[in-house]
Amino acid sequence: MLTREAGIFLEFGLMFGQPGEDEVSLRDSVQLVKDISYDEFRTQKIFGCVPFPGTALYDWCKQTGRIKNDQDFYDRYISQDWSLDQLPVNMTDLPGEQVARMFQQANQELAEFYAREMPRSWIQLFGGDVAEFENYEQGRMTLQHLDQFTESSGSTFDTSGRT
């Protein structure tokens, strides 16, 4: 990873739920997130693909009957508390319940991955002894609260202090 070796902070997010995606593509996305994650661990990295009005994807959803009309889209998307942790329109060929379950399980798996990796990464980032931490890890309290983390604001303002 060239960015990691150069000390460049990497921020990213992936979408799921586009036409043609399936369980294999979601598994591949989860593995990619695990492979490239370091020093910054947000509990959700895979977001629902949203066919916004005015895009070809939105038009395709209307043509294929996945969206009945503009009001149908707004009722599914705009009226939700936080819109990127949902799949307002199932654009895959899989049943809606299966897609929703796969999407939730993928983000749960990533939350558990981050809960394991975050402490190790922070200790290393701040010059601590990772080996000592790993010896202590058996008795440590896990970061289970991260599994329950949900962003509740639509704001994109970065409050992390990194900017």
C-alpha atoms as a PDB file:
ATOM      1  CA  MET A   1       0.000   0.000   0.000  1.00  0.00           C
ATOM      2  CA  LEU A   2       1.789   3.062  -1.235  1.00  0.00           C
ATOM      3  CA  THR A   3      -0.432   5.491   0.671  1.00  0.00           C
ATOM      4  CA  ARG A   4       0.188   3.662   3.940  1.00  0.00           C
ATOM      5  CA  GLU A   5       3.957   3.573   3.398  1.00  0.00           C
ATOM      6  CA  ALA A   6       3.973   7.294   2.554  1.00  0.00           C
ATOM      7  CA  GLY A   7       1.883   8.139   5.642  1.00  0.00           C
ATOM      8  CA  ILE A   8      -1.008   9.415   3.548  1.00  0.00           C
ATOM      9  CA  PHE A   9      -4.388   9.252   5.266  1.00  0.00           C
ATOM     10  CA  LEU A  10      -6.947   7.350   3.200  1.00  0.00           C
ATOM     11  CA  GLU A  11     -10.680   8.038   3.395  1.00  0.00           C
ATOM     12  CA  PHE A  12     -13.099   6.058   1.266  1.00  0.00           C
ATOM     13  CA  GLY A  13     -16.533   4.552   1.014  1.00  0.00           C
ATOM     14  CA  LEU A  14     -18.058   1.957  -1.278  1.00  0.00           C
ATOM     15  CA  MET A  15     -21.592   1.580  -2.607  1.00  0.00           C
ATOM     16  CA  PHE A  16     -23.647  -1.584  -2.781  1.00  0.00           C
ATOM     17  CA  GLY A  17     -26.944  -2.307  -4.452  1.00  0.00           C
ATOM     18  CA  GLN A  18     -26.256  -1.408  -8.067  1.00  0.00           C
ATOM     19  CA  PRO A  19     -27.627  -3.414 -10.987  1.00  0.00           C
ATOM     20  CA  GLY A  20     -25.743  -6.689 -11.417  1.00  0.00           C
ATOM     21  CA  GLU A  21     -24.340  -6.814  -7.891  1.00  0.00           C
ATOM     22  CA  ASP A  22     -24.766  -9.959  -5.847  1.00  0.00           C
ATOM     23  CA  GLU A  23     -23.469 -11.681  -2.733  1.00  0.00           C
ATOM     24  CA  VAL A  24     -20.046 -12.250  -4.329  1.00  0.00           C
ATOM     25  CA  SER A  25     -19.580  -8.572  -5.196  1.00  0.00           C
ATOM     26  CA  LEU A  26     -20.577  -7.580  -1.651  1.00  0.00           C
ATOM     27  CA  ARG A  27     -18.117 -10.121  -0.160  1.00  0.00           C
ATOM     28  CA  ASP A  28     -15.416  -8.703  -2.443  1.00  0.00           C
ATOM     29  CA  SER A  29     -16.245  -5.167  -1.241  1.00  0.00           C
ATOM     30  CA  VAL A  30     -16.021  -6.224   2.422  1.00  0.00           C
ATOM     31  CA  GLN A  31     -12.648  -7.842   1.805  1.00  0.00           C
ATOM     32  CA  LEU A  32     -11.387  -4.784  -0.068  1.00  0.00           C
ATOM     33  CA  VAL A  33     -12.358  -2.531   2.844  1.00  0.00           C
ATOM     34  CA  LYS A  34     -10.510  -4.819   5.265  1.00  0.00           C
ATOM     35  CA  ASP A  35      -7.451  -4.934   3.005  1.00  0.00           C
ATOM     36  CA  ILE A  36      -7.097  -1.163   2.614  1.00  0.00           C
ATOM     37  CA  SER A  37      -8.242   0.050   6.059  1.00  0.00           C
ATOM     38  CA  TYR A  38      -5.653   1.478   8.418  1.00  0.00           C
ATOM     39  CA  ASP A  39      -5.468   4.254  11.045  1.00  0.00           C
ATOM     40  CA  GLU A  40      -9.048   5.386  10.428  1.00  0.00           C
ATOM     41  CA  PHE A  41     -11.871   3.021  11.149  1.00  0.00           C
ATOM     42  CA  ARG A  42     -15.422   4.171  10.624  1.00  0.00           C
ATOM     43  CA  THR A  43     -17.970   1.545  11.459  1.00  0.00           C
ATOM     44  CA  GLN A  44     -19.689   1.864   8.123  1.00  0.00           C
ATOM     45  CA  LYS A  45     -17.775   1.899   4.870  1.00  0.00           C
ATOM     46  CA  ILE A  46     -20.282   0.288   2.553  1.00  0.00           C
ATOM     47  CA  PHE A  47     -23.188   2.545   1.749  1.00  0.00           C
ATOM     48  CA  GLY A  48     -26.413   1.932  -0.098  1.00  0.00           C
ATOM     49  CA  CYS A  49     -26.403   2.952  -3.740  1.00  0.00           C
ATOM     50  CA  VAL A  50     -28.995   5.672  -4.227  1.00  0.00           C
ATOM     51  CA  PRO A  51     -30.386   6.454  -7.680  1.00  0.00           C
ATOM     52  CA  PHE A  52     -30.701  10.234  -7.374  1.00  0.00           C
ATOM     53  CA  PRO A  53     -33.202  12.128  -9.546  1.00  0.00           C
ATOM     54  CA  GLY A  54     -31.665  13.468 -12.731  1.00  0.00           C
ATOM     55  CA  THR A  55     -29.300  10.522 -13.178  1.00  0.00           C
ATOM     56  CA  ALA A  56     -29.448   7.741 -15.737  1.00  0.00           C
ATOM     57  CA  LEU A  57     -29.678   5.243 -12.866  1.00  0.00           C
ATOM     58  CA  TYR A  58     -32.808   6.999 -11.557  1.00  0.00           C
ATOM     59  CA  ASP A  59     -34.349   6.926 -15.036  1.00  0.00           C
ATOM     60  CA  TRP A  60     -33.495   3.209 -15.332  1.00  0.00           C
ATOM     61  CA  CYS A  61     -35.184   2.525 -11.976  1.00  0.00           C
ATOM     62  CA  LYS A  62     -38.333   4.278 -13.184  1.00  0.00           C
ATOM     63  CA  GLN A  63     -38.255   2.426 -16.530  1.00  0.00           C
ATOM     64  CA  THR A  64     -37.865  -0.965 -14.816  1.00  0.00           C
ATOM     65  CA  GLY A  65     -40.585  -0.248 -12.242  1.00  0.00           C
ATOM     66  CA  ARG A  66     -38.238  -0.110  -9.245  1.00  0.00           C
ATOM     67  CA  ILE A  67     -39.423   3.468  -8.625  1.00  0.00           C
ATOM     68  CA  LYS A  68     -43.051   4.255  -9.416  1.00  0.00           C
ATOM     69  CA  ASN A  69     -42.703   8.018  -9.504  1.00  0.00           C
ATOM     70  CA  ASP A  70     -40.809  10.866  -7.846  1.00  0.00           C
ATOM     71  CA  GLN A  71     -42.992  10.764  -4.737  1.00  0.00           C
ATOM     72  CA  ASP A  72     -42.263   7.054  -4.325  1.00  0.00           C
ATOM     73  CA  PHE A  73     -38.537   7.827  -4.299  1.00  0.00           C
ATOM     74  CA  TYR A  74     -38.883  10.724  -1.855  1.00  0.00           C
ATOM     75  CA  ASP A  75     -41.004   8.628   0.484  1.00  0.00           C
ATOM     76  CA  ARG A  76     -38.318   5.926   0.556  1.00  0.00           C
ATOM     77  CA  TYR A  77     -35.252   8.141   0.715  1.00  0.00           C
ATOM     78  CA  ILE A  78     -35.779  11.707   1.853  1.00  0.00           C
ATOM     79  CA  SER A  79     -38.022  10.922   4.817  1.00  0.00           C
ATOM     80  CA  GLN A  80     -35.424   8.626   6.445  1.00  0.00           C
ATOM     81  CA  ASP A  81     -33.246   9.807   9.367  1.00  0.00           C
ATOM     82  CA  TRP A  82     -29.952   8.842   7.740  1.00  0.00           C
ATOM     83  CA  SER A  83     -30.126   7.885   4.138  1.00  0.00           C
ATOM     84  CA  LEU A  84     -26.806   6.221   3.292  1.00  0.00           C
ATOM     85  CA  ASP A  85     -27.245   3.281   5.662  1.00  0.00           C
ATOM     86  CA  GLN A  86     -30.195   2.025   3.687  1.00  0.00           C
ATOM     87  CA  LEU A  87     -30.968   0.661   0.265  1.00  0.00           C
ATOM     88  CA  PRO A  88     -34.021   2.699  -0.719  1.00  0.00           C
ATOM     89  CA  VAL A  89     -34.267   0.965  -4.094  1.00  0.00           C
ATOM     90  CA  ASN A  90     -33.247  -2.636  -4.710  1.00  0.00           C
ATOM     91  CA  MET A  91     -31.522  -2.499  -8.085  1.00  0.00           C
ATOM     92  CA  THR A  92     -30.103  -6.028  -7.864  1.00  0.00           C
ATOM     93  CA  ASP A  93     -31.776  -9.190  -9.111  1.00  0.00           C
ATOM     94  CA  LEU A  94     -31.914 -10.580  -5.557  1.00  0.00           C
ATOM     95  CA  PRO A  95     -35.007 -10.496  -3.308  1.00  0.00           C
ATOM     96  CA  GLY A  96     -35.266  -7.291  -1.262  1.00  0.00           C
ATOM     97  CA  GLU A  97     -35.112  -9.026   2.130  1.00  0.00           C
ATOM     98  CA  GLN A  98     -31.968 -10.919   1.129  1.00  0.00           C
ATOM     99  CA  VAL A  99     -30.262  -7.741  -0.102  1.00  0.00           C
ATOM    100  CA  ALA A 100     -31.157  -5.842   3.093  1.00  0.00           C
ATOM    101  CA  ARG A 101     -29.886  -8.720   5.260  1.00  0.00           C
ATOM    102  CA  MET A 102     -26.625  -9.028   3.275  1.00  0.00           C
ATOM    103  CA  PHE A 103     -26.064  -5.259   3.470  1.00  0.00           C
ATOM    104  CA  GLN A 104     -26.642  -5.208   7.244  1.00  0.00           C
ATOM    105  CA  GLN A 105     -24.434  -8.263   7.817  1.00  0.00           C
ATOM    106  CA  ALA A 106     -21.605  -6.785   5.734  1.00  0.00           C
ATOM    107  CA  ASN A 107     -21.561  -3.589   7.786  1.00  0.00           C
ATOM    108  CA  GLN A 108     -21.831  -5.594  11.029  1.00  0.00           C
ATOM    109  CA  GLU A 109     -18.810  -7.645   9.966  1.00  0.00           C
ATOM    110  CA  LEU A 110     -16.885  -4.438   9.283  1.00  0.00           C
ATOM    111  CA  ALA A 111     -17.902  -2.982  12.660  1.00  0.00           C
ATOM    112  CA  GLU A 112     -16.505  -6.088  14.363  1.00  0.00           C
ATOM    113  CA  PHE A 113     -13.334  -5.863  12.255  1.00  0.00           C
ATOM    114  CA  TYR A 114     -12.832  -2.219  13.256  1.00  0.00           C
ATOM    115  CA  ALA A 115     -13.419  -3.009  16.934  1.00  0.00           C
ATOM    116  CA  ARG A 116     -10.515  -5.477  16.727  1.00  0.00           C
ATOM    117  CA  GLU A 117      -8.185  -3.356  14.601  1.00  0.00           C
ATOM    118  CA  MET A 118      -8.768   0.170  15.914  1.00  0.00           C
ATOM    119  CA  PRO A 119      -6.994  -0.180  19.280  1.00  0.00           C
ATOM    120  CA  ARG A 120      -3.958  -1.834  17.673  1.00  0.00           C
ATOM    121  CA  SER A 121      -3.762   0.854  15.006  1.00  0.00           C
ATOM    122  CA  TRP A 122      -4.061   3.718  17.501  1.00  0.00           C
ATOM    123  CA  ILE A 123      -1.402   2.248  19.772  1.00  0.00           C
ATOM    124  CA  GLN A 124       0.943   1.963  16.828  1.00  0.00           C
ATOM    125  CA  LEU A 125       0.055   5.457  15.563  1.00  0.00           C
ATOM    126  CA  PHE A 126       0.868   7.026  18.950  1.00  0.00           C
ATOM    127  CA  GLY A 127       4.098   5.065  19.401  1.00  0.00           C
ATOM    128  CA  GLY A 128       2.854   2.473  21.886  1.00  0.00           C
ATOM    129  CA  ASP A 129       3.978  -1.113  22.225  1.00  0.00           C
ATOM    130  CA  VAL A 130       1.651  -3.220  20.059  1.00  0.00           C
ATOM    131  CA  ALA A 131       3.178  -6.474  21.340  1.00  0.00           C
ATOM    132  CA  GLU A 132       2.378  -5.481  24.933  1.00  0.00           C
ATOM    133  CA  PHE A 133      -1.172  -4.640  23.872  1.00  0.00           C
ATOM    134  CA  GLU A 134      -1.575  -7.992  22.121  1.00  0.00           C
ATOM    135  CA  ASN A 135      -0.437  -9.777  25.293  1.00  0.00           C
ATOM    136  CA  TYR A 136      -2.992  -7.782  27.268  1.00  0.00           C
ATOM    137  CA  GLU A 137      -5.719  -8.152  24.631  1.00  0.00           C
ATOM    138  CA  GLN A 138      -7.097 -11.392  26.076  1.00  0.00           C
ATOM    139  CA  GLY A 139      -8.347  -9.578  29.174  1.00  0.00           C
ATOM    140  CA  ARG A 140      -9.256  -6.253  27.656  1.00  0.00           C
ATOM    141  CA  MET A 141     -12.697  -4.808  27.295  1.00  0.00           C
ATOM    142  CA  THR A 142     -13.659  -4.784  23.615  1.00  0.00           C
ATOM    143  CA  LEU A 143     -15.071  -1.801  21.815  1.00  0.00           C
ATOM    144  CA  GLN A 144     -18.481  -3.421  21.435  1.00  0.00           C
ATOM    145  CA  HIS A 145     -20.251  -0.068  21.502  1.00  0.00           C
ATOM    146  CA  LEU A 146     -19.005   0.504  17.949  1.00  0.00           C
ATOM    147  CA  ASP A 147     -21.277  -2.278  16.740  1.00  0.00           C
ATOM    148  CA  GLN A 148     -24.241  -0.118  17.708  1.00  0.00           C
ATOM    149  CA  PHE A 149     -22.929   3.139  16.215  1.00  0.00           C
ATOM    150  CA  THR A 150     -25.238   4.808  13.743  1.00  0.00           C
ATOM    151  CA  GLU A 151     -24.680   8.219  12.278  1.00  0.00           C
ATOM    152  CA  SER A 152     -27.782  10.270  12.858  1.00  0.00           C
ATOM    153  CA  SER A 153     -26.993  13.434  10.975  1.00  0.00           C
ATOM    154  CA  GLY A 154     -26.977  14.142   7.288  1.00  0.00           C
ATOM    155  CA  SER A 155     -24.188  16.656   7.795  1.00  0.00           C
ATOM    156  CA  THR A 156     -20.983  16.092   5.877  1.00  0.00           C
ATOM    157  CA  PHE A 157     -19.041  18.560   8.044  1.00  0.00           C
ATOM    158  CA  ASP A 158     -15.933  16.853   9.409  1.00  0.00           C
ATOM    159  CA  THR A 159     -15.901  17.186  13.200  1.00  0.00           C
ATOM    160  CA  SER A 160     -13.007  14.773  13.700  1.00  0.00           C
ATOM    161  CA  GLY A 161     -10.398  17.498  13.990  1.00  0.00           C
ATOM    162  CA  ARG A 162      -8.431  16.158  11.035  1.00  0.00           C
ATOM    163  CA  THR A 163      -9.229  19.191   8.892  1.00  0.00           C
END
